[in-house]
């Protein structure tokens, strides 16, 4: 039944993306003969839901091109494993795209910090911008006063469990199925139950037992999952409230890291990326996955047609009253190419996608996330998205704009790898603080 709902969600999304509408600014440049000259723009997009799907993106662009015959947008699709390197290389070569679709942790704290982005403060003076939630606005705002991203959607990342496996292992008693939450104590008990269960059922293909969960630490891809897991277990934080320094060295975080290392059934894998961990989860070789969200379930149902168990999304275990999930914000930014006509055209594209209700609704739906301002329920008849909406009130502090963020991300997975190799947790944490 769950998989059928996911497939219905996919079909509904395809129908909605095929609709057209909305108004935007026309931008036509005429040459001497009176014909229209087209400004060619390039958009690079990370796989944010169906923003990584060429068919879906082409559908969204069709109406824009009709409304703006003087602008043509071509798209290149990035992956999280290689996208950062590709953009860094483009910056070095002087071949950056005009537009990029990602979030403040890259557009503000990384590329904006490096001076690569165009200030979009003029777009933030619109009536539409006034409706954007204050915490989203703050995350898009650099300390120098400039805005380097105009947001489209947001979400709260979560984790997922194999409901069928939990049931067989007798571990469902340790989760609150109604609220999709659990305590740290119950998480420990569930891992122990799963480990006992795995001792009885071994993977005949690899002749090794199924693991309860994997701490992936090959690169920074999906690192929001491991950060949220560690911070939630004993109420730790990643940065101070003002986002000026890192607090990974707290006793609470050290206690959480030590717990994960000591728990039999939780495996640290320095050779695994988040994509590898997700794949193992979908192939029923792990009982839980620490990198998940609603968009992920839709995508993995497509990638794994053999997926035949109930994926049950969960908040991260915590000893606090409520979990605090890592939030995600995604939107459009403009790289500073120095060509003012192209920059103006890029801003027109952003205005079209965000200021008009029909194209904006399509843009949000394509992400499989939620709008960054109050709107009617976009997913009223979508069972899958309704299920994942339960996590939105748990969305915590967006700290990914702290100084030296890109170095901190690298230091985080390197620290996890050291712990997995047997390094003393306290010493490994000191290595993180020095951003080695």
Foldseek 3Di string as FASTA:
>chain_A
DQLVLLVVLVVVLVVLLQDDDWAFDEDFDADPVRDTAADEFEEEEECQQLVQPVVSVVSLCPRVCVNYVNYDYDYDYDYPVCVVVVQVVCVVVLNHTFKYKFFLLPQPQNCVVVVFFDFPVVVCVDPLVVQFDPLRVVSQAHPVGGGFFDFQFKAFWFKKFQVVLLVVLVLPVQADQVLQAGALVSVLVSQVSSLVVQVVPDDPVVRGTFFQAEAEQQALVLVLLVQLQLCAREPHDQPDPVLAAGDCLDPSSLVSLVVLLPRGRYAYDNVDDLVNRVVCVQVVSHGMHSTDALSRVSVVCVVCVVRDTDMRTHHHHHNDPAGATEMGIIGMGTTPSVDVVSNVVSVSVRCRCRVIVSNSLSVHSSSLGHGSGDDPPSCPPRPSSVSRVSCVVNHHRHSSNRHPNVLLSRLVSVLSVCVSVPDNSSVSSVSSRVSD
